[in-house]
Amino acid sequence: MLGMVFFLLLVVVEKSFHFVDNKVLKYLLFYHIGLNLTVVMLVVRGVVQVLSLDVSSAVLFGIAHLILGISMVLVLISIRNCIKD
């Protein structure tokens, strides 16, 4: 849900302020990497729970969420800087 709303808002803001450049595209690529890693880790966690295995994946979940958070903040800072200019 957050990914969908985030990108729908980005489309609206892009139409108004035209903030997307190579730097922002790198941040968005970083966001997609974090999003895909989060989805993979959700699948892994589900399989581990169903099979009752003893594997800890909390570190990778933390890294994936950290990537998502950092990239989202970087994109929002880029939007703020574009609006100021």
PDB file of N, CA and C in Angstrom:
ATOM      1  N   MET A   1       0.829  -1.196   0.000  1.00  0.00           N
ATOM      2  CA  MET A   1       0.000   0.000   0.000  1.00  0.00           C
ATOM      3  C   MET A   1       0.872   1.259   0.000  1.00  0.00           C
ATOM      4  N   LEU A   2       1.890   1.263   0.851  1.00  0.00           N
ATOM      5  CA  LEU A   2       2.758   2.438   0.937  1.00  0.00           C
ATOM      6  C   LEU A   2       3.472   2.685  -0.388  1.00  0.00           C
ATOM      7  N   GLY A   3       3.954   1.633  -1.023  1.00  0.00           N
ATOM      8  CA  GLY A   3       4.639   1.784  -2.301  1.00  0.00           C
ATOM      9  C   GLY A   3       3.735   2.368  -3.363  1.00  0.00           C
ATOM     10  N   MET A   4       2.495   1.904  -3.417  1.00  0.00           N
ATOM     11  CA  MET A   4       1.562   2.405  -4.415  1.00  0.00           C
ATOM     12  C   MET A   4       1.229   3.875  -4.171  1.00  0.00           C
ATOM     13  N   VAL A   5       0.916   4.218  -2.940  1.00  0.00           N
ATOM     14  CA  VAL A   5       0.565   5.604  -2.614  1.00  0.00           C
ATOM     15  C   VAL A   5       1.764   6.523  -2.834  1.00  0.00           C
ATOM     16  N   PHE A   6       2.949   6.059  -2.441  1.00  0.00           N
ATOM     17  CA  PHE A   6       4.176   6.854  -2.611  1.00  0.00           C
ATOM     18  C   PHE A   6       4.387   7.196  -4.077  1.00  0.00           C
ATOM     19  N   PHE A   7       4.262   6.212  -4.963  1.00  0.00           N
ATOM     20  CA  PHE A   7       4.509   6.476  -6.380  1.00  0.00           C
ATOM     21  C   PHE A   7       3.374   7.255  -7.042  1.00  0.00           C
ATOM     22  N   LEU A   8       2.143   7.086  -6.576  1.00  0.00           N
ATOM     23  CA  LEU A   8       1.055   7.912  -7.108  1.00  0.00           C
ATOM     24  C   LEU A   8       1.261   9.381  -6.733  1.00  0.00           C
ATOM     25  N   LEU A   9       1.703   9.635  -5.526  1.00  0.00           N
ATOM     26  CA  LEU A   9       2.003  11.009  -5.111  1.00  0.00           C
ATOM     27  C   LEU A   9       3.199  11.572  -5.872  1.00  0.00           C
ATOM     28  N   LEU A  10       4.176  10.723  -6.167  1.00  0.00           N
ATOM     29  CA  LEU A  10       5.317  11.178  -6.955  1.00  0.00           C
ATOM     30  C   LEU A  10       4.890  11.615  -8.354  1.00  0.00           C
ATOM     31  N   VAL A  11       3.944  10.916  -8.947  1.00  0.00           N
ATOM     32  CA  VAL A  11       3.447  11.293 -10.274  1.00  0.00           C
ATOM     33  C   VAL A  11       2.795  12.671 -10.218  1.00  0.00           C
ATOM     34  N   VAL A  12       1.993  12.899  -9.200  1.00  0.00           N
ATOM     35  CA  VAL A  12       1.315  14.196  -9.062  1.00  0.00           C
ATOM     36  C   VAL A  12       2.336  15.317  -8.850  1.00  0.00           C
ATOM     37  N   VAL A  13       3.317  15.076  -7.979  1.00  0.00           N
ATOM     38  CA  VAL A  13       4.328  16.097  -7.706  1.00  0.00           C
ATOM     39  C   VAL A  13       5.209  16.328  -8.928  1.00  0.00           C
ATOM     40  N   GLU A  14       5.525  15.280  -9.664  1.00  0.00           N
ATOM     41  CA  GLU A  14       6.358  15.415 -10.865  1.00  0.00           C
ATOM     42  C   GLU A  14       5.668  16.278 -11.918  1.00  0.00           C
ATOM     43  N   LYS A  15       4.359  16.123 -12.058  1.00  0.00           N
ATOM     44  CA  LYS A  15       3.634  16.944 -13.031  1.00  0.00           C
ATOM     45  C   LYS A  15       3.708  18.425 -12.679  1.00  0.00           C
ATOM     46  N   SER A  16       3.779  18.729 -11.397  1.00  0.00           N
ATOM     47  CA  SER A  16       3.807  20.125 -10.965  1.00  0.00           C
ATOM     48  C   SER A  16       5.205  20.726 -10.934  1.00  0.00           C
ATOM     49  N   PHE A  17       6.201  19.948 -10.470  1.00  0.00           N
ATOM     50  CA  PHE A  17       7.518  20.527 -10.199  1.00  0.00           C
ATOM     51  C   PHE A  17       8.653  19.989 -11.056  1.00  0.00           C
ATOM     52  N   HIS A  18       8.461  18.919 -11.785  1.00  0.00           N
ATOM     53  CA  HIS A  18       9.485  18.347 -12.667  1.00  0.00           C
ATOM     54  C   HIS A  18      10.815  18.175 -11.935  1.00  0.00           C
ATOM     55  N   PHE A  19      10.817  17.354 -10.915  1.00  0.00           N
ATOM     56  CA  PHE A  19      11.989  17.179 -10.065  1.00  0.00           C
ATOM     57  C   PHE A  19      12.839  15.972 -10.421  1.00  0.00           C
ATOM     58  N   VAL A  20      12.375  15.093 -11.303  1.00  0.00           N
ATOM     59  CA  VAL A  20      13.095  13.858 -11.596  1.00  0.00           C
ATOM     60  C   VAL A  20      14.297  14.148 -12.494  1.00  0.00           C
ATOM     61  N   ASP A  21      15.468  13.768 -12.005  1.00  0.00           N
ATOM     62  CA  ASP A  21      16.700  13.827 -12.781  1.00  0.00           C
ATOM     63  C   ASP A  21      17.476  12.545 -12.492  1.00  0.00           C
ATOM     64  N   ASN A  22      18.728  12.469 -12.931  1.00  0.00           N
ATOM     65  CA  ASN A  22      19.512  11.242 -12.734  1.00  0.00           C
ATOM     66  C   ASN A  22      19.698  10.910 -11.258  1.00  0.00           C
ATOM     67  N   LYS A  23      19.853  11.936 -10.434  1.00  0.00           N
ATOM     68  CA  LYS A  23      20.055  11.720  -9.001  1.00  0.00           C
ATOM     69  C   LYS A  23      18.803  11.096  -8.371  1.00  0.00           C
ATOM     70  N   VAL A  24      17.645  11.626  -8.700  1.00  0.00           N
ATOM     71  CA  VAL A  24      16.392  11.098  -8.149  1.00  0.00           C
ATOM     72  C   VAL A  24      16.113   9.698  -8.703  1.00  0.00           C
ATOM     73  N   LEU A  25      16.476   9.447  -9.950  1.00  0.00           N
ATOM     74  CA  LEU A  25      16.284   8.107 -10.513  1.00  0.00           C
ATOM     75  C   LEU A  25      17.131   7.078  -9.768  1.00  0.00           C
ATOM     76  N   LYS A  26      18.330   7.468  -9.327  1.00  0.00           N
ATOM     77  CA  LYS A  26      19.149   6.559  -8.523  1.00  0.00           C
ATOM     78  C   LYS A  26      18.474   6.268  -7.184  1.00  0.00           C
ATOM     79  N   TYR A  27      17.879   7.290  -6.582  1.00  0.00           N
ATOM     80  CA  TYR A  27      17.166   7.091  -5.319  1.00  0.00           C
ATOM     81  C   TYR A  27      15.969   6.163  -5.514  1.00  0.00           C
ATOM     82  N   LEU A  28      15.262   6.324  -6.627  1.00  0.00           N
ATOM     83  CA  LEU A  28      14.109   5.471  -6.900  1.00  0.00           C
ATOM     84  C   LEU A  28      14.538   4.034  -7.179  1.00  0.00           C
ATOM     85  N   LEU A  29      15.671   3.857  -7.841  1.00  0.00           N
ATOM     86  CA  LEU A  29      16.209   2.518  -8.055  1.00  0.00           C
ATOM     87  C   LEU A  29      16.563   1.876  -6.709  1.00  0.00           C
ATOM     88  N   PHE A  30      17.155   2.655  -5.826  1.00  0.00           N
ATOM     89  CA  PHE A  30      17.481   2.213  -4.471  1.00  0.00           C
ATOM     90  C   PHE A  30      16.204   1.800  -3.732  1.00  0.00           C
ATOM     91  N   TYR A  31      15.121   2.567  -3.916  1.00  0.00           N
ATOM     92  CA  TYR A  31      13.838   2.255  -3.293  1.00  0.00           C
ATOM     93  C   TYR A  31      13.305   0.913  -3.819  1.00  0.00           C
ATOM     94  N   HIS A  32      13.399   0.711  -5.131  1.00  0.00           N
ATOM     95  CA  HIS A  32      12.910  -0.538  -5.719  1.00  0.00           C
ATOM     96  C   HIS A  32      13.710  -1.741  -5.227  1.00  0.00           C
ATOM     97  N   ILE A  33      15.010  -1.569  -5.053  1.00  0.00           N
ATOM     98  CA  ILE A  33      15.827  -2.660  -4.515  1.00  0.00           C
ATOM     99  C   ILE A  33      15.344  -3.014  -3.109  1.00  0.00           C
ATOM    100  N   GLY A  34      15.123  -2.012  -2.280  1.00  0.00           N
ATOM    101  CA  GLY A  34      14.621  -2.260  -0.928  1.00  0.00           C
ATOM    102  C   GLY A  34      13.254  -2.898  -0.928  1.00  0.00           C
ATOM    103  N   LEU A  35      12.386  -2.458  -1.822  1.00  0.00           N
ATOM    104  CA  LEU A  35      11.039  -3.011  -1.918  1.00  0.00           C
ATOM    105  C   LEU A  35      11.078  -4.478  -2.336  1.00  0.00           C
ATOM    106  N   ASN A  36      11.890  -4.789  -3.339  1.00  0.00           N
ATOM    107  CA  ASN A  36      12.004  -6.179  -3.784  1.00  0.00           C
ATOM    108  C   ASN A  36      12.625  -7.062  -2.714  1.00  0.00           C
ATOM    109  N   LEU A  37      13.619  -6.549  -2.007  1.00  0.00           N
ATOM    110  CA  LEU A  37      14.227  -7.316  -0.920  1.00  0.00           C
ATOM    111  C   LEU A  37      13.208  -7.562   0.198  1.00  0.00           C
ATOM    112  N   THR A  38      12.356  -6.590   0.466  1.00  0.00           N
ATOM    113  CA  THR A  38      11.318  -6.766   1.479  1.00  0.00           C
ATOM    114  C   THR A  38      10.333  -7.861   1.069  1.00  0.00           C
ATOM    115  N   VAL A  39       9.921  -7.864  -0.185  1.00  0.00           N
ATOM    116  CA  VAL A  39       8.986  -8.885  -0.673  1.00  0.00           C
ATOM    117  C   VAL A  39       9.620 -10.269  -0.602  1.00  0.00           C
ATOM    118  N   VAL A  40      10.872 -10.369  -1.013  1.00  0.00           N
ATOM    119  CA  VAL A  40      11.560 -11.669  -0.954  1.00  0.00           C
ATOM    120  C   VAL A  40      11.652 -12.144   0.488  1.00  0.00           C
ATOM    121  N   MET A  41      11.970 -11.243   1.405  1.00  0.00           N
ATOM    122  CA  MET A  41      12.099 -11.638   2.797  1.00  0.00           C
ATOM    123  C   MET A  41      10.746 -12.025   3.406  1.00  0.00           C
ATOM    124  N   LEU A  42       9.665 -11.393   2.950  1.00  0.00           N
ATOM    125  CA  LEU A  42       8.337 -11.812   3.418  1.00  0.00           C
ATOM    126  C   LEU A  42       8.030 -13.235   2.970  1.00  0.00           C
ATOM    127  N   VAL A  43       8.399 -13.566   1.740  1.00  0.00           N
ATOM    128  CA  VAL A  43       8.195 -14.931   1.241  1.00  0.00           C
ATOM    129  C   VAL A  43       9.052 -15.917   2.031  1.00  0.00           C
ATOM    130  N   VAL A  44      10.318 -15.562   2.248  1.00  0.00           N
ATOM    131  CA  VAL A  44      11.214 -16.434   3.014  1.00  0.00           C
ATOM    132  C   VAL A  44      10.672 -16.645   4.421  1.00  0.00           C
ATOM    133  N   ARG A  45      10.225 -15.583   5.050  1.00  0.00           N
ATOM    134  CA  ARG A  45       9.694 -15.702   6.412  1.00  0.00           C
ATOM    135  C   ARG A  45       8.450 -16.593   6.441  1.00  0.00           C
ATOM    136  N   GLY A  46       7.589 -16.448   5.430  1.00  0.00           N
ATOM    137  CA  GLY A  46       6.398 -17.290   5.356  1.00  0.00           C
ATOM    138  C   GLY A  46       6.742 -18.754   5.188  1.00  0.00           C
ATOM    139  N   VAL A  47       7.715 -19.039   4.331  1.00  0.00           N
ATOM    140  CA  VAL A  47       8.133 -20.433   4.115  1.00  0.00           C
ATOM    141  C   VAL A  47       8.745 -21.002   5.386  1.00  0.00           C
ATOM    142  N   VAL A  48       9.560 -20.196   6.053  1.00  0.00           N
ATOM    143  CA  VAL A  48      10.196 -20.650   7.301  1.00  0.00           C
ATOM    144  C   VAL A  48       9.144 -20.951   8.357  1.00  0.00           C
ATOM    145  N   GLN A  49       8.123 -20.134   8.462  1.00  0.00           N
ATOM    146  CA  GLN A  49       7.077 -20.372   9.461  1.00  0.00           C
ATOM    147  C   GLN A  49       6.242 -21.603   9.120  1.00  0.00           C
ATOM    148  N   VAL A  50       5.929 -21.778   7.847  1.00  0.00           N
ATOM    149  CA  VAL A  50       5.114 -22.927   7.453  1.00  0.00           C
ATOM    150  C   VAL A  50       5.878 -24.228   7.677  1.00  0.00           C
ATOM    151  N   LEU A  51       7.173 -24.219   7.366  1.00  0.00           N
ATOM    152  CA  LEU A  51       7.975 -25.432   7.514  1.00  0.00           C
ATOM    153  C   LEU A  51       8.539 -25.598   8.923  1.00  0.00           C
ATOM    154  N   SER A  52       8.266 -24.656   9.797  1.00  0.00           N
ATOM    155  CA  SER A  52       8.731 -24.678  11.190  1.00  0.00           C
ATOM    156  C   SER A  52      10.251 -24.819  11.293  1.00  0.00           C
ATOM    157  N   LEU A  53      10.956 -24.108  10.449  1.00  0.00           N
ATOM    158  CA  LEU A  53      12.415 -24.110  10.483  1.00  0.00           C
ATOM    159  C   LEU A  53      12.900 -23.098  11.505  1.00  0.00           C
ATOM    160  N   ASP A  54      14.148 -23.221  11.879  1.00  0.00           N
ATOM    161  CA  ASP A  54      14.718 -22.337  12.891  1.00  0.00           C
ATOM    162  C   ASP A  54      15.742 -21.407  12.230  1.00  0.00           C
ATOM    163  N   VAL A  55      15.264 -20.430  11.475  1.00  0.00           N
ATOM    164  CA  VAL A  55      16.139 -19.510  10.755  1.00  0.00           C
ATOM    165  C   VAL A  55      15.761 -18.088  11.150  1.00  0.00           C
ATOM    166  N   SER A  56      16.763 -17.270  11.429  1.00  0.00           N
ATOM    167  CA  SER A  56      16.501 -15.874  11.779  1.00  0.00           C
ATOM    168  C   SER A  56      16.755 -14.993  10.561  1.00  0.00           C
ATOM    169  N   SER A  57      15.733 -14.281  10.127  1.00  0.00           N
ATOM    170  CA  SER A  57      15.860 -13.394   8.969  1.00  0.00           C
ATOM    171  C   SER A  57      15.627 -11.940   9.368  1.00  0.00           C
ATOM    172  N   ALA A  58      15.682 -11.654  10.647  1.00  0.00           N
ATOM    173  CA  ALA A  58      15.385 -10.309  11.135  1.00  0.00           C
ATOM    174  C   ALA A  58      16.391  -9.288  10.622  1.00  0.00           C
ATOM    175  N   VAL A  59      17.637  -9.680  10.468  1.00  0.00           N
ATOM    176  CA  VAL A  59      18.667  -8.750   9.997  1.00  0.00           C
ATOM    177  C   VAL A  59      18.357  -8.294   8.579  1.00  0.00           C
ATOM    178  N   LEU A  60      17.985  -9.227   7.716  1.00  0.00           N
ATOM    179  CA  LEU A  60      17.681  -8.850   6.335  1.00  0.00           C
ATOM    180  C   LEU A  60      16.407  -8.021   6.249  1.00  0.00           C
ATOM    181  N   PHE A  61      15.425  -8.308   7.107  1.00  0.00           N
ATOM    182  CA  PHE A  61      14.233  -7.460   7.154  1.00  0.00           C
ATOM    183  C   PHE A  61      14.603  -6.045   7.555  1.00  0.00           C
ATOM    184  N   GLY A  62      15.482  -5.932   8.527  1.00  0.00           N
ATOM    185  CA  GLY A  62      15.923  -4.615   8.976  1.00  0.00           C
ATOM    186  C   GLY A  62      16.645  -3.862   7.881  1.00  0.00           C
ATOM    187  N   ILE A  63      17.509  -4.549   7.156  1.00  0.00           N
ATOM    188  CA  ILE A  63      18.243  -3.907   6.071  1.00  0.00           C
ATOM    189  C   ILE A  63      17.283  -3.447   4.975  1.00  0.00           C
ATOM    190  N   ALA A  64      16.325  -4.293   4.625  1.00  0.00           N
ATOM    191  CA  ALA A  64      15.365  -3.939   3.577  1.00  0.00           C
ATOM    192  C   ALA A  64      14.548  -2.716   3.975  1.00  0.00           C
ATOM    193  N   HIS A  65      14.090  -2.676   5.215  1.00  0.00           N
ATOM    194  CA  HIS A  65      13.302  -1.530   5.666  1.00  0.00           C
ATOM    195  C   HIS A  65      14.171  -0.279   5.786  1.00  0.00           C
ATOM    196  N   LEU A  66      15.417  -0.454   6.147  1.00  0.00           N
ATOM    197  CA  LEU A  66      16.339   0.668   6.208  1.00  0.00           C
ATOM    198  C   LEU A  66      16.557   1.263   4.819  1.00  0.00           C
ATOM    199  N   ILE A  67      16.723   0.410   3.827  1.00  0.00           N
ATOM    200  CA  ILE A  67      16.879   0.872   2.450  1.00  0.00           C
ATOM    201  C   ILE A  67      15.637   1.632   2.008  1.00  0.00           C
ATOM    202  N   LEU A  68      14.461   1.094   2.303  1.00  0.00           N
ATOM    203  CA  LEU A  68      13.212   1.772   1.938  1.00  0.00           C
ATOM    204  C   LEU A  68      13.111   3.145   2.596  1.00  0.00           C
ATOM    205  N   GLY A  69      13.399   3.202   3.870  1.00  0.00           N
ATOM    206  CA  GLY A  69      13.291   4.468   4.595  1.00  0.00           C
ATOM    207  C   GLY A  69      14.275   5.513   4.112  1.00  0.00           C
ATOM    208  N   ILE A  70      15.529   5.117   3.931  1.00  0.00           N
ATOM    209  CA  ILE A  70      16.552   6.072   3.486  1.00  0.00           C
ATOM    210  C   ILE A  70      16.238   6.595   2.095  1.00  0.00           C
ATOM    211  N   SER A  71      15.869   5.704   1.189  1.00  0.00           N
ATOM    212  CA  SER A  71      15.587   6.159  -0.177  1.00  0.00           C
ATOM    213  C   SER A  71      14.353   7.048  -0.234  1.00  0.00           C
ATOM    214  N   MET A  72      13.341   6.757   0.585  1.00  0.00           N
ATOM    215  CA  MET A  72      12.154   7.596   0.605  1.00  0.00           C
ATOM    216  C   MET A  72      12.486   8.993   1.131  1.00  0.00           C
ATOM    217  N   VAL A  73      13.301   9.063   2.161  1.00  0.00           N
ATOM    218  CA  VAL A  73      13.714  10.366   2.702  1.00  0.00           C
ATOM    219  C   VAL A  73      14.533  11.135   1.672  1.00  0.00           C
ATOM    220  N   LEU A  74      15.432  10.454   0.954  1.00  0.00           N
ATOM    221  CA  LEU A  74      16.240  11.127  -0.065  1.00  0.00           C
ATOM    222  C   LEU A  74      15.376  11.692  -1.192  1.00  0.00           C
ATOM    223  N   VAL A  75      14.366  10.945  -1.610  1.00  0.00           N
ATOM    224  CA  VAL A  75      13.464  11.441  -2.650  1.00  0.00           C
ATOM    225  C   VAL A  75      12.682  12.649  -2.136  1.00  0.00           C
ATOM    226  N   LEU A  76      12.206  12.584  -0.905  1.00  0.00           N
ATOM    227  CA  LEU A  76      11.455  13.704  -0.347  1.00  0.00           C
ATOM    228  C   LEU A  76      12.334  14.944  -0.176  1.00  0.00           C
ATOM    229  N   ILE A  77      13.591  14.766   0.183  1.00  0.00           N
ATOM    230  CA  ILE A  77      14.519  15.894   0.270  1.00  0.00           C
ATOM    231  C   ILE A  77      14.755  16.492  -1.114  1.00  0.00           C
ATOM    232  N   SER A  78      14.853  15.647  -2.130  1.00  0.00           N
ATOM    233  CA  SER A  78      15.015  16.141  -3.500  1.00  0.00           C
ATOM    234  C   SER A  78      13.803  16.963  -3.934  1.00  0.00           C
ATOM    235  N   ILE A  79      12.621  16.514  -3.567  1.00  0.00           N
ATOM    236  CA  ILE A  79      11.410  17.264  -3.887  1.00  0.00           C
ATOM    237  C   ILE A  79      11.419  18.610  -3.173  1.00  0.00           C
ATOM    238  N   ARG A  80      11.785  18.601  -1.907  1.00  0.00           N
ATOM    239  CA  ARG A  80      11.851  19.865  -1.146  1.00  0.00           C
ATOM    240  C   ARG A  80      12.848  20.836  -1.767  1.00  0.00           C
ATOM    241  N   ASN A  81      14.014  20.340  -2.170  1.00  0.00           N
ATOM    242  CA  ASN A  81      15.005  21.206  -2.790  1.00  0.00           C
ATOM    243  C   ASN A  81      14.527  21.765  -4.128  1.00  0.00           C
ATOM    244  N   CYS A  82      13.779  20.965  -4.871  1.00  0.00           N
ATOM    245  CA  CYS A  82      13.247  21.419  -6.156  1.00  0.00           C
ATOM    246  C   CYS A  82      12.181  22.499  -5.942  1.00  0.00           C
ATOM    247  N   ILE A  83      11.364  22.333  -4.925  1.00  0.00           N
ATOM    248  CA  ILE A  83      10.307  23.294  -4.638  1.00  0.00           C
ATOM    249  C   ILE A  83      10.921  24.628  -4.190  1.00  0.00           C
ATOM    250  N   LYS A  84      12.023  24.569  -3.425  1.00  0.00           N
ATOM    251  CA  LYS A  84      12.691  25.786  -2.984  1.00  0.00           C
ATOM    252  C   LYS A  84      13.268  26.576  -4.156  1.00  0.00           C
ATOM    253  N   ASP A  85      13.750  25.861  -5.182  1.00  0.00           N
ATOM    254  CA  ASP A  85      14.379  26.523  -6.329  1.00  0.00           C
ATOM    255  C   ASP A  85      13.381  27.134  -7.214  1.00  0.00           C
TER     256      ASP A  85
END
